[in-house]
C-alpha atoms as a PDB file:
ATOM      1  CA  MET A   1     -46.317 133.250-108.750  1.00  0.00           C
ATOM      2  CA  GLU A   2     -43.472 135.638-109.412  1.00  0.00           C
ATOM      3  CA  ASN A   3     -40.054 134.053-108.906  1.00  0.00           C
ATOM      4  CA  LYS A   4     -41.613 130.585-108.614  1.00  0.00           C
ATOM      5  CA  VAL A   5     -40.537 127.570-110.659  1.00  0.00           C
ATOM      6  CA  LEU A   6     -43.632 126.620-112.686  1.00  0.00           C
ATOM      7  CA  ILE A   7     -44.482 122.931-113.005  1.00  0.00           C
ATOM      8  CA  PHE A   8     -46.901 121.998-115.759  1.00  0.00           C
ATOM      9  CA  GLY A   9     -48.054 119.327-118.188  1.00  0.00           C
ATOM     10  CA  HIS A  10     -49.117 119.700-121.803  1.00  0.00           C
ATOM     11  CA  LYS A  11     -51.871 121.791-123.370  1.00  0.00           C
ATOM     12  CA  ASN A  12     -55.352 120.214-123.264  1.00  0.00           C
ATOM     13  CA  PRO A  13     -54.310 118.592-119.969  1.00  0.00           C
ATOM     14  CA  ASP A  14     -55.423 115.100-118.988  1.00  0.00           C
ATOM     15  CA  THR A  15     -55.449 113.511-115.542  1.00  0.00           C
ATOM     16  CA  ASP A  16     -51.792 112.452-115.659  1.00  0.00           C
ATOM     17  CA  SER A  17     -50.717 115.915-116.754  1.00  0.00           C
ATOM     18  CA  ILE A  18     -52.533 117.667-113.892  1.00  0.00           C
ATOM     19  CA  CYS A  19     -52.098 115.119-111.102  1.00  0.00           C
ATOM     20  CA  SER A  20     -48.426 114.481-111.853  1.00  0.00           C
ATOM     21  CA  SER A  21     -47.752 118.230-111.802  1.00  0.00           C
ATOM     22  CA  LEU A  22     -49.356 118.431-108.355  1.00  0.00           C
ATOM     23  CA  VAL A  23     -47.395 115.390-107.179  1.00  0.00           C
ATOM     24  CA  LYS A  24     -44.117 116.810-108.505  1.00  0.00           C
ATOM     25  CA  GLU A  25     -44.737 120.017-106.548  1.00  0.00           C
ATOM     26  CA  LYS A  26     -45.389 118.008-103.378  1.00  0.00           C
ATOM     27  CA  LEU A  27     -42.320 115.807-103.896  1.00  0.00           C
ATOM     28  CA  ASN A  28     -40.056 118.797-104.538  1.00  0.00           C
ATOM     29  CA  LYS A  29     -41.267 120.555-101.401  1.00  0.00           C
ATOM     30  CA  LYS A  30     -40.715 117.442 -99.300  1.00  0.00           C
ATOM     31  CA  MET A  31     -37.154 117.399-100.640  1.00  0.00           C
ATOM     32  CA  GLY A  32     -36.575 121.016 -99.629  1.00  0.00           C
ATOM     33  CA  LYS A  33     -37.297 122.674-102.991  1.00  0.00           C
ATOM     34  CA  GLU A  34     -40.012 125.029-101.745  1.00  0.00           C
ATOM     35  CA  ASN A  35     -39.898 127.566-104.546  1.00  0.00           C
ATOM     36  CA  CYS A  36     -42.213 125.782-106.990  1.00  0.00           C
ATOM     37  CA  VAL A  37     -45.886 125.634-107.926  1.00  0.00           C
ATOM     38  CA  ALA A  38     -48.011 123.409-110.174  1.00  0.00           C
ATOM     39  CA  VAL A  39     -49.984 125.232-112.873  1.00  0.00           C
ATOM     40  CA  ARG A  40     -51.984 124.173-115.931  1.00  0.00           C
ATOM     41  CA  LEU A  41     -52.075 125.072-119.624  1.00  0.00           C
ATOM     42  CA  GLY A  42     -55.752 124.490-120.322  1.00  0.00           C
ATOM     43  CA  LYS A  43     -59.225 123.575-119.152  1.00  0.00           C
ATOM     44  CA  ILE A  44     -59.488 120.623-116.795  1.00  0.00           C
ATOM     45  CA  ASN A  45     -61.605 117.733-118.071  1.00  0.00           C
ATOM     46  CA  LYS A  46     -64.403 115.999-116.176  1.00  0.00           C
ATOM     47  CA  GLU A  47     -62.312 112.981-115.262  1.00  0.00           C
ATOM     48  CA  THR A  48     -59.664 115.160-113.630  1.00  0.00           C
ATOM     49  CA  LYS A  49     -62.353 117.262-111.931  1.00  0.00           C
ATOM     50  CA  TYR A  50     -63.649 114.047-110.364  1.00  0.00           C
ATOM     51  CA  VAL A  51     -60.208 113.449-108.806  1.00  0.00           C
ATOM     52  CA  LEU A  52     -59.750 117.000-107.549  1.00  0.00           C
ATOM     53  CA  ASN A  53     -63.288 117.137-106.141  1.00  0.00           C
ATOM     54  CA  TYR A  54     -62.797 113.773-104.430  1.00  0.00           C
ATOM     55  CA  LEU A  55     -59.634 115.066-102.748  1.00  0.00           C
ATOM     56  CA  LYS A  56     -61.007 118.601-102.259  1.00  0.00           C
ATOM     57  CA  ILE A  57     -58.016 120.069-104.105  1.00  0.00           C
ATOM     58  CA  LYS A  58     -58.259 123.407-105.877  1.00  0.00           C
ATOM     59  CA  GLU A  59     -57.508 123.466-109.604  1.00  0.00           C
ATOM     60  CA  PRO A  60     -53.978 124.684-110.405  1.00  0.00           C
ATOM     61  CA  GLU A  61     -53.838 128.220-111.765  1.00  0.00           C
ATOM     62  CA  LEU A  62     -54.168 128.616-115.538  1.00  0.00           C
ATOM     63  CA  ILE A  63     -51.268 130.146-117.455  1.00  0.00           C
ATOM     64  CA  GLU A  64     -51.094 130.740-121.198  1.00  0.00           C
ATOM     65  CA  VAL A  65     -47.789 132.451-121.921  1.00  0.00           C
ATOM     66  CA  ILE A  66     -44.337 131.911-120.415  1.00  0.00           C
ATOM     67  CA  LYS A  67     -42.148 134.966-119.905  1.00  0.00           C
ATOM     68  CA  GLU A  68     -38.574 134.940-121.164  1.00  0.00           C
ATOM     69  CA  GLY A  69     -36.223 133.361-118.619  1.00  0.00           C
ATOM     70  CA  GLN A  70     -39.045 131.833-116.547  1.00  0.00           C
ATOM     71  CA  GLU A  71     -37.827 128.689-114.774  1.00  0.00           C
ATOM     72  CA  VAL A  72     -40.046 125.700-115.542  1.00  0.00           C
ATOM     73  CA  ILE A  73     -40.354 121.935-115.089  1.00  0.00           C
ATOM     74  CA  LEU A  74     -42.128 120.036-117.865  1.00  0.00           C
ATOM     75  CA  ILE A  75     -44.343 117.126-116.865  1.00  0.00           C
ATOM     76  CA  ASP A  76     -45.856 114.478-119.169  1.00  0.00           C
ATOM     77  CA  HIS A  77     -44.540 116.142-122.347  1.00  0.00           C
ATOM     78  CA  ASN A  78     -41.437 117.500-124.006  1.00  0.00           C
ATOM     79  CA  GLU A  79     -42.511 118.618-127.491  1.00  0.00           C
ATOM     80  CA  PHE A  80     -42.599 122.407-127.663  1.00  0.00           C
ATOM     81  CA  ASN A  81     -45.741 122.457-129.820  1.00  0.00           C
ATOM     82  CA  GLN A  82     -47.589 120.773-126.937  1.00  0.00           C
ATOM     83  CA  SER A  83     -46.222 123.158-124.325  1.00  0.00           C
ATOM     84  CA  ALA A  84     -46.878 126.729-123.210  1.00  0.00           C
ATOM     85  CA  ASP A  85     -46.554 129.610-125.638  1.00  0.00           C
ATOM     86  CA  GLY A  86     -43.094 131.106-125.193  1.00  0.00           C
ATOM     87  CA  ILE A  87     -41.552 127.848-123.959  1.00  0.00           C
ATOM     88  CA  GLU A  88     -38.602 128.339-126.341  1.00  0.00           C
ATOM     89  CA  LYS A  89     -37.432 131.292-124.226  1.00  0.00           C
ATOM     90  CA  ALA A  90     -37.991 129.643-120.840  1.00  0.00           C
ATOM     91  CA  LYS A  91     -35.285 128.125-118.681  1.00  0.00           C
ATOM     92  CA  ILE A  92     -36.206 124.439-118.526  1.00  0.00           C
ATOM     93  CA  LEU A  93     -34.786 122.979-115.329  1.00  0.00           C
ATOM     94  CA  GLU A  94     -36.219 119.480-115.592  1.00  0.00           C
ATOM     95  CA  VAL A  95     -38.412 117.155-117.644  1.00  0.00           C
ATOM     96  CA  VAL A  96     -40.305 114.113-116.323  1.00  0.00           C
ATOM     97  CA  ASP A  97     -42.018 112.288-119.172  1.00  0.00           C
ATOM     98  CA  HIS A  98     -43.033 108.934-120.640  1.00  0.00           C
ATOM     99  CA  HIS A  99     -43.427 109.913-124.315  1.00  0.00           C
ATOM    100  CA  ARG A 100     -41.121 110.008-127.308  1.00  0.00           C
ATOM    101  CA  ILE A 101     -38.577 112.852-127.415  1.00  0.00           C
ATOM    102  CA  SER A 102     -39.206 115.175-130.355  1.00  0.00           C
ATOM    103  CA  ASN A 103     -38.723 118.840-131.287  1.00  0.00           C
ATOM    104  CA  PHE A 104     -36.914 119.434-127.995  1.00  0.00           C
ATOM    105  CA  GLU A 105     -33.828 121.555-127.540  1.00  0.00           C
ATOM    106  CA  THR A 106     -32.337 123.597-124.708  1.00  0.00           C
ATOM    107  CA  SER A 107     -29.385 125.952-124.442  1.00  0.00           C
ATOM    108  CA  GLU A 108     -28.360 124.691-120.991  1.00  0.00           C
ATOM    109  CA  PRO A 109     -28.018 121.266-119.321  1.00  0.00           C
ATOM    110  CA  LEU A 110     -31.013 119.997-117.362  1.00  0.00           C
ATOM    111  CA  TYR A 111     -32.374 117.031-115.427  1.00  0.00           C
ATOM    112  CA  TYR A 112     -34.226 114.794-117.881  1.00  0.00           C
ATOM    113  CA  THR A 113     -36.100 111.679-116.792  1.00  0.00           C
ATOM    114  CA  ALA A 114     -37.854 109.721-119.544  1.00  0.00           C
ATOM    115  CA  LYS A 115     -39.025 106.170-119.038  1.00  0.00           C
ATOM    116  CA  PRO A 116     -41.293 104.059-121.262  1.00  0.00           C
ATOM    117  CA  PHE A 117     -43.865 103.519-118.524  1.00  0.00           C
ATOM    118  CA  GLY A 118     -47.631 103.748-118.851  1.00  0.00           C
ATOM    119  CA  CYS A 119     -47.778 106.967-116.871  1.00  0.00           C
ATOM    120  CA  THR A 120     -45.680 109.878-115.616  1.00  0.00           C
ATOM    121  CA  SER A 121     -46.859 109.277-112.054  1.00  0.00           C
ATOM    122  CA  THR A 122     -45.241 105.846-112.108  1.00  0.00           C
ATOM    123  CA  ILE A 123     -41.906 107.584-112.674  1.00  0.00           C
ATOM    124  CA  LEU A 124     -42.660 109.948-109.779  1.00  0.00           C
ATOM    125  CA  PHE A 125     -43.656 107.015-107.571  1.00  0.00           C
ATOM    126  CA  GLU A 126     -40.212 105.510-108.143  1.00  0.00           C
ATOM    127  CA  GLU A 127     -38.650 108.897-107.311  1.00  0.00           C
ATOM    128  CA  TYR A 128     -40.433 108.830-103.945  1.00  0.00           C
ATOM    129  CA  LYS A 129     -39.111 105.335-103.305  1.00  0.00           C
ATOM    130  CA  LYS A 130     -35.564 106.102-104.454  1.00  0.00           C
ATOM    131  CA  ASN A 131     -35.347 109.183-102.242  1.00  0.00           C
ATOM    132  CA  GLU A 132     -37.086 107.448 -99.315  1.00  0.00           C
ATOM    133  CA  VAL A 133     -39.809 110.096 -99.197  1.00  0.00           C
ATOM    134  CA  GLN A 134     -43.014 109.028 -97.465  1.00  0.00           C
ATOM    135  CA  ILE A 135     -46.146 109.051 -99.627  1.00  0.00           C
ATOM    136  CA  SER A 136     -49.274 110.603 -98.114  1.00  0.00           C
ATOM    137  CA  GLU A 137     -52.785 109.291 -98.736  1.00  0.00           C
ATOM    138  CA  GLU A 138     -53.544 112.289-100.955  1.00  0.00           C
ATOM    139  CA  GLU A 139     -50.376 111.796-102.991  1.00  0.00           C
ATOM    140  CA  ALA A 140     -51.165 108.085-103.350  1.00  0.00           C
ATOM    141  CA  ILE A 141     -54.618 108.826-104.760  1.00  0.00           C
ATOM    142  CA  LEU A 142     -53.251 111.458-107.144  1.00  0.00           C
ATOM    143  CA  MET A 143     -50.641 109.046-108.505  1.00  0.00           C
ATOM    144  CA  ALA A 144     -53.070 106.123-108.638  1.00  0.00           C
ATOM    145  CA  SER A 145     -55.590 108.293-110.513  1.00  0.00           C
ATOM    146  CA  SER A 146     -52.954 109.162-113.108  1.00  0.00           C
ATOM    147  CA  ILE A 147     -51.909 105.543-113.575  1.00  0.00           C
ATOM    148  CA  MET A 148     -55.476 104.239-113.893  1.00  0.00           C
ATOM    149  CA  SER A 149     -56.369 107.035-116.303  1.00  0.00           C
ATOM    150  CA  ASP A 150     -53.393 106.609-118.642  1.00  0.00           C
ATOM    151  CA  THR A 151     -53.519 102.798-118.613  1.00  0.00           C
ATOM    152  CA  LEU A 152     -57.334 102.469-118.595  1.00  0.00           C
ATOM    153  CA  LEU A 153     -57.273 100.476-115.353  1.00  0.00           C
ATOM    154  CA  LEU A 154     -54.113  98.619-116.491  1.00  0.00           C
ATOM    155  CA  LYS A 155     -55.853  97.357-119.667  1.00  0.00           C
ATOM    156  CA  SER A 156     -53.963  99.538-122.141  1.00  0.00           C
ATOM    157  CA  PRO A 157     -50.980  98.062-124.043  1.00  0.00           C
ATOM    158  CA  THR A 158     -48.922 100.909-122.578  1.00  0.00           C
ATOM    159  CA  THR A 159     -49.160  99.231-119.150  1.00  0.00           C
ATOM    160  CA  THR A 160     -45.868  97.991-117.735  1.00  0.00           C
ATOM    161  CA  ASP A 161     -44.949  95.908-114.702  1.00  0.00           C
ATOM    162  CA  HIS A 162     -43.752  99.155-113.136  1.00  0.00           C
ATOM    163  CA  ASP A 163     -47.282 100.593-113.369  1.00  0.00           C
ATOM    164  CA  LYS A 164     -48.823  97.443-111.897  1.00  0.00           C
ATOM    165  CA  LYS A 165     -46.390  97.369-108.998  1.00  0.00           C
ATOM    166  CA  ALA A 166     -46.830 101.089-108.292  1.00  0.00           C
ATOM    167  CA  LEU A 167     -50.630 100.819-108.270  1.00  0.00           C
ATOM    168  CA  GLU A 168     -50.513  97.803-105.965  1.00  0.00           C
ATOM    169  CA  GLU A 169     -48.371  99.681-103.451  1.00  0.00           C
ATOM    170  CA  LEU A 170     -50.322 102.919-103.788  1.00  0.00           C
ATOM    171  CA  GLU A 171     -53.578 101.148-102.963  1.00  0.00           C
ATOM    172  CA  LYS A 172     -52.172 100.193 -99.568  1.00  0.00           C
ATOM    173  CA  VAL A 173     -51.408 103.844 -98.816  1.00  0.00           C
ATOM    174  CA  ALA A 174     -54.576 105.275-100.387  1.00  0.00           C
ATOM    175  CA  GLY A 175     -56.837 103.245 -98.115  1.00  0.00           C
ATOM    176  CA  ILE A 176     -59.578 102.881-100.736  1.00  0.00           C
ATOM    177  CA  ASN A 177     -60.650 100.276-103.289  1.00  0.00           C
ATOM    178  CA  LEU A 178     -58.847 101.657-106.320  1.00  0.00           C
ATOM    179  CA  LYS A 179     -60.684  99.480-108.838  1.00  0.00           C
ATOM    180  CA  GLU A 180     -64.065 100.866-107.764  1.00  0.00           C
ATOM    181  CA  TYR A 181     -62.740 104.417-107.477  1.00  0.00           C
ATOM    182  CA  GLY A 182     -60.939 104.171-110.829  1.00  0.00           C
ATOM    183  CA  LEU A 183     -63.998 102.953-112.704  1.00  0.00           C
ATOM    184  CA  GLU A 184     -66.080 105.840-111.342  1.00  0.00           C
ATOM    185  CA  MET A 185     -63.299 108.242-112.309  1.00  0.00           C
ATOM    186  CA  LEU A 186     -63.162 106.941-115.883  1.00  0.00           C
ATOM    187  CA  LYS A 187     -66.942 107.017-116.192  1.00  0.00           C
ATOM    188  CA  ALA A 188     -66.964 110.656-115.068  1.00  0.00           C
ATOM    189  CA  GLY A 189     -64.730 111.452-118.017  1.00  0.00           C
ATOM    190  CA  THR A 190     -67.067 109.804-120.529  1.00  0.00           C
ATOM    191  CA  ASP A 191     -69.927 112.274-119.980  1.00  0.00           C
ATOM    192  CA  LEU A 192     -69.636 114.183-123.252  1.00  0.00           C
ATOM    193  CA  ASN A 193     -73.205 115.422-123.708  1.00  0.00           C
ATOM    194  CA  ASP A 194     -72.703 119.062-122.782  1.00  0.00           C
ATOM    195  CA  PHE A 195     -69.561 119.596-124.877  1.00  0.00           C
ATOM    196  CA  THR A 196     -69.656 121.427-128.194  1.00  0.00           C
ATOM    197  CA  VAL A 197     -68.023 119.629-131.124  1.00  0.00           C
ATOM    198  CA  GLU A 198     -65.203 122.187-130.994  1.00  0.00           C
ATOM    199  CA  GLU A 199     -64.587 121.231-127.374  1.00  0.00           C
ATOM    200  CA  LEU A 200     -64.769 117.508-128.141  1.00  0.00           C
ATOM    201  CA  ILE A 201     -62.029 117.618-130.773  1.00  0.00           C
ATOM    202  CA  SER A 202     -59.748 119.651-128.499  1.00  0.00           C
ATOM    203  CA  LEU A 203     -60.378 117.965-125.110  1.00  0.00           C
ATOM    204  CA  ASP A 204     -57.363 115.698-125.487  1.00  0.00           C
ATOM    205  CA  ALA A 205     -55.644 116.707-128.714  1.00  0.00           C
ATOM    206  CA  LYS A 206     -51.932 116.351-129.425  1.00  0.00           C
ATOM    207  CA  SER A 207     -50.373 118.525-132.141  1.00  0.00           C
ATOM    208  CA  LEU A 208     -47.566 116.704-133.939  1.00  0.00           C
ATOM    209  CA  ASP A 209     -45.061 117.392-136.680  1.00  0.00           C
ATOM    210  CA  LYS A 210     -43.186 114.843-138.794  1.00  0.00           C
ATOM    211  CA  ASP A 211     -40.690 116.343-141.235  1.00  0.00           C
ATOM    212  CA  GLY A 212     -42.880 119.404-141.751  1.00  0.00           C
ATOM    213  CA  THR A 213     -46.111 117.423-141.965  1.00  0.00           C
ATOM    214  CA  LYS A 214     -48.360 118.843-139.270  1.00  0.00           C
ATOM    215  CA  PHE A 215     -51.115 116.636-137.902  1.00  0.00           C
ATOM    216  CA  ILE A 216     -53.297 116.206-134.837  1.00  0.00           C
ATOM    217  CA  ILE A 217     -54.454 113.078-133.034  1.00  0.00           C
ATOM    218  CA  ALA A 218     -57.355 113.816-130.705  1.00  0.00           C
ATOM    219  CA  GLN A 219     -59.050 111.282-128.444  1.00  0.00           C
ATOM    220  CA  VAL A 220     -62.142 111.023-126.264  1.00  0.00           C
ATOM    221  CA  ASN A 221     -63.185 108.168-123.995  1.00  0.00           C
ATOM    222  CA  THR A 222     -66.742 106.887-123.935  1.00  0.00           C
ATOM    223  CA  VAL A 223     -68.865 103.902-122.989  1.00  0.00           C
ATOM    224  CA  ASN A 224     -70.963 104.282-126.157  1.00  0.00           C
ATOM    225  CA  ILE A 225     -69.195 105.024-129.453  1.00  0.00           C
ATOM    226  CA  SER A 226     -72.437 105.254-131.426  1.00  0.00           C
ATOM    227  CA  GLU A 227     -73.648 108.133-129.248  1.00  0.00           C
ATOM    228  CA  VAL A 228     -70.630 110.212-130.207  1.00  0.00           C
ATOM    229  CA  LEU A 229     -70.945 109.246-133.880  1.00  0.00           C
ATOM    230  CA  LYS A 230     -74.453 110.716-133.976  1.00  0.00           C
ATOM    231  CA  ARG A 231     -72.634 114.057-134.201  1.00  0.00           C
ATOM    232  CA  GLN A 232     -70.295 113.005-137.022  1.00  0.00           C
ATOM    233  CA  GLU A 233     -71.385 115.706-139.475  1.00  0.00           C
ATOM    234  CA  GLU A 234     -70.876 118.438-136.871  1.00  0.00           C
ATOM    235  CA  LEU A 235     -67.562 116.913-135.799  1.00  0.00           C
ATOM    236  CA  GLU A 236     -66.306 116.829-139.380  1.00  0.00           C
ATOM    237  CA  ARG A 237     -67.173 120.483-139.941  1.00  0.00           C
ATOM    238  CA  ALA A 238     -65.226 121.428-136.808  1.00  0.00           C
ATOM    239  CA  ILE A 239     -62.288 119.221-137.853  1.00  0.00           C
ATOM    240  CA  GLU A 240     -62.206 120.701-141.369  1.00  0.00           C
ATOM    241  CA  LYS A 241     -62.067 124.172-139.829  1.00  0.00           C
ATOM    242  CA  GLU A 242     -59.096 123.117-137.653  1.00  0.00           C
ATOM    243  CA  ILE A 243     -57.327 121.642-140.687  1.00  0.00           C
ATOM    244  CA  LYS A 244     -57.732 124.883-142.620  1.00  0.00           C
ATOM    245  CA  GLU A 245     -56.791 127.237-139.766  1.00  0.00           C
ATOM    246  CA  LYS A 246     -53.744 125.232-138.655  1.00  0.00           C
ATOM    247  CA  GLU A 247     -52.669 124.085-142.131  1.00  0.00           C
ATOM    248  CA  LEU A 248     -52.824 120.430-141.122  1.00  0.00           C
ATOM    249  CA  LYS A 249     -52.301 117.486-143.463  1.00  0.00           C
ATOM    250  CA  LEU A 250     -54.220 115.071-141.232  1.00  0.00           C
ATOM    251  CA  PHE A 251     -56.615 115.130-138.295  1.00  0.00           C
ATOM    252  CA  VAL A 252     -57.452 111.882-136.518  1.00  0.00           C
ATOM    253  CA  PHE A 253     -60.264 111.860-133.979  1.00  0.00           C
ATOM    254  CA  ALA A 254     -60.321 108.639-131.944  1.00  0.00           C
ATOM    255  CA  ILE A 255     -63.456 107.652-130.027  1.00  0.00           C
ATOM    256  CA  THR A 256     -62.336 105.026-127.524  1.00  0.00           C
ATOM    257  CA  ASP A 257     -64.657 102.565-125.767  1.00  0.00           C
ATOM    258  CA  ILE A 258     -63.094 102.145-122.322  1.00  0.00           C
ATOM    259  CA  LEU A 259     -65.237  99.120-121.460  1.00  0.00           C
ATOM    260  CA  ASN A 260     -64.597  97.031-124.583  1.00  0.00           C
ATOM    261  CA  SER A 261     -61.115  98.391-125.432  1.00  0.00           C
ATOM    262  CA  ASN A 262     -61.813  99.406-129.047  1.00  0.00           C
ATOM    263  CA  SER A 263     -61.760 102.663-130.988  1.00  0.00           C
ATOM    264  CA  GLU A 264     -63.597 104.148-133.931  1.00  0.00           C
ATOM    265  CA  ILE A 265     -61.648 106.872-135.686  1.00  0.00           C
ATOM    266  CA  ILE A 266     -62.648 109.717-137.967  1.00  0.00           C
ATOM    267  CA  ALA A 267     -59.799 110.733-140.289  1.00  0.00           C
ATOM    268  CA  LEU A 268     -59.797 113.839-142.464  1.00  0.00           C
ATOM    269  CA  GLY A 269     -57.204 115.777-144.435  1.00  0.00           C
ATOM    270  CA  GLU A 270     -55.230 115.352-147.631  1.00  0.00           C
ATOM    271  CA  LYS A 271     -53.185 112.570-146.023  1.00  0.00           C
ATOM    272  CA  ALA A 272     -56.134 110.629-144.590  1.00  0.00           C
ATOM    273  CA  ASP A 273     -55.103 107.639-146.698  1.00  0.00           C
ATOM    274  CA  ILE A 274     -52.204 107.190-144.266  1.00  0.00           C
ATOM    275  CA  ILE A 275     -54.739 105.583-141.937  1.00  0.00           C
ATOM    276  CA  GLU A 276     -55.470 102.878-144.501  1.00  0.00           C
ATOM    277  CA  LYS A 277     -51.764 102.062-144.805  1.00  0.00           C
ATOM    278  CA  ALA A 278     -51.130 102.283-141.073  1.00  0.00           C
ATOM    279  CA  PHE A 279     -53.917  99.948-139.976  1.00  0.00           C
ATOM    280  CA  GLY A 280     -54.815  97.990-143.113  1.00  0.00           C
ATOM    281  CA  LYS A 281     -58.372  99.322-142.886  1.00  0.00           C
ATOM    282  CA  LYS A 282     -60.359 101.027-145.640  1.00  0.00           C
ATOM    283  CA  LEU A 283     -61.931 104.298-144.548  1.00  0.00           C
ATOM    284  CA  ASP A 284     -65.689 104.151-144.972  1.00  0.00           C
ATOM    285  CA  ASN A 285     -67.493 107.466-144.588  1.00  0.00           C
ATOM    286  CA  ASN A 286     -64.169 108.834-143.232  1.00  0.00           C
ATOM    287  CA  ARG A 287     -64.281 106.229-140.460  1.00  0.00           C
ATOM    288  CA  ALA A 288     -62.487 103.043-139.433  1.00  0.00           C
ATOM    289  CA  PHE A 289     -63.123 100.666-136.535  1.00  0.00           C
ATOM    290  CA  LEU A 290     -59.885  99.600-134.827  1.00  0.00           C
ATOM    291  CA  GLU A 291     -60.376  96.568-132.644  1.00  0.00           C
ATOM    292  CA  GLY A 292     -58.172  96.483-129.554  1.00  0.00           C
ATOM    293  CA  VAL A 293     -56.756  99.957-130.207  1.00  0.00           C
ATOM    294  CA  VAL A 294     -56.978 102.270-127.186  1.00  0.00           C
ATOM    295  CA  SER A 295     -53.571 103.944-126.891  1.00  0.00           C
ATOM    296  CA  ARG A 296     -52.584 107.030-128.857  1.00  0.00           C
ATOM    297  CA  LYS A 297     -48.984 106.783-127.655  1.00  0.00           C
ATOM    298  CA  LYS A 298     -48.342 103.107-128.383  1.00  0.00           C
ATOM    299  CA  GLN A 299     -50.842 102.191-131.108  1.00  0.00           C
ATOM    300  CA  LEU A 300     -52.121 105.216-133.022  1.00  0.00           C
ATOM    301  CA  LEU A 301     -49.086 107.520-133.185  1.00  0.00           C
ATOM    302  CA  PRO A 302     -46.342 104.972-134.048  1.00  0.00           C
ATOM    303  CA  ASN A 303     -48.362 103.450-136.902  1.00  0.00           C
ATOM    304  CA  ILE A 304     -49.338 106.847-138.308  1.00  0.00           C
ATOM    305  CA  ASP A 305     -45.862 108.324-137.814  1.00  0.00           C
ATOM    306  CA  LYS A 306     -44.034 105.647-139.776  1.00  0.00           C
ATOM    307  CA  ASN A 307     -46.449 105.945-142.713  1.00  0.00           C
ATOM    308  CA  ILE A 308     -46.129 109.704-143.171  1.00  0.00           C
END
């Protein structure tokens, strides 16, 4: 991959992070920018594996450290603490993201596209349309997978009309029933039985920093919250270890029921009481049930952030 522009999403990659990186590579090449390749910053989860296996696509290569001066394109993130080690010394050419902008600084101008959509792939879909680039069946399924994953089949409060319109048009190109495919994809990601507790709390974990207060919000999807909670004691031991090693003030582990659109959270750390202020819920046994809460980006993070 020497002399290639590396395209990648955040650490602990989810389906949007991986699929949008692949789509961005394909879009760039169709627009004559051949010198690029999608890579990943962590282990691929079961939901994403379902997509790649369905399309018979090989996993992007894993990278851990960025060399000084390496040209990169950031997908589905901008915060340096969620990016590759060494990102501060990289040459960031472009960012395509749908999250808040935080802890981000470059020494040179760049292309920066940030839109408050439910998914990065929705932004890329509009780039295809704007540049009149034809979307292949494979690209349609990759983008549709990202949208359905990030919006929980358009049920998440992060869903916008842009996401709905994109998915409607992508279904015509994909040539499959996206609702059926999407449900199977989400279910594949809820098989958590063979994960260790250490893996569970890091599968989809975002490291955050508010005025020097370091915290993590991790999330797993399931169809049975009580099954995950059977391992609460083990989970708490693993979380406490993370808090100590990373000097965190708060660790929130959200267990999200994708069928009923609710979450149960486990909150630990010296600032765990922030959860009580943020959601008006008393923690009982370090837990709180949050009805209708499924989105880290739009529901968990903003409420926690403004109470720190």
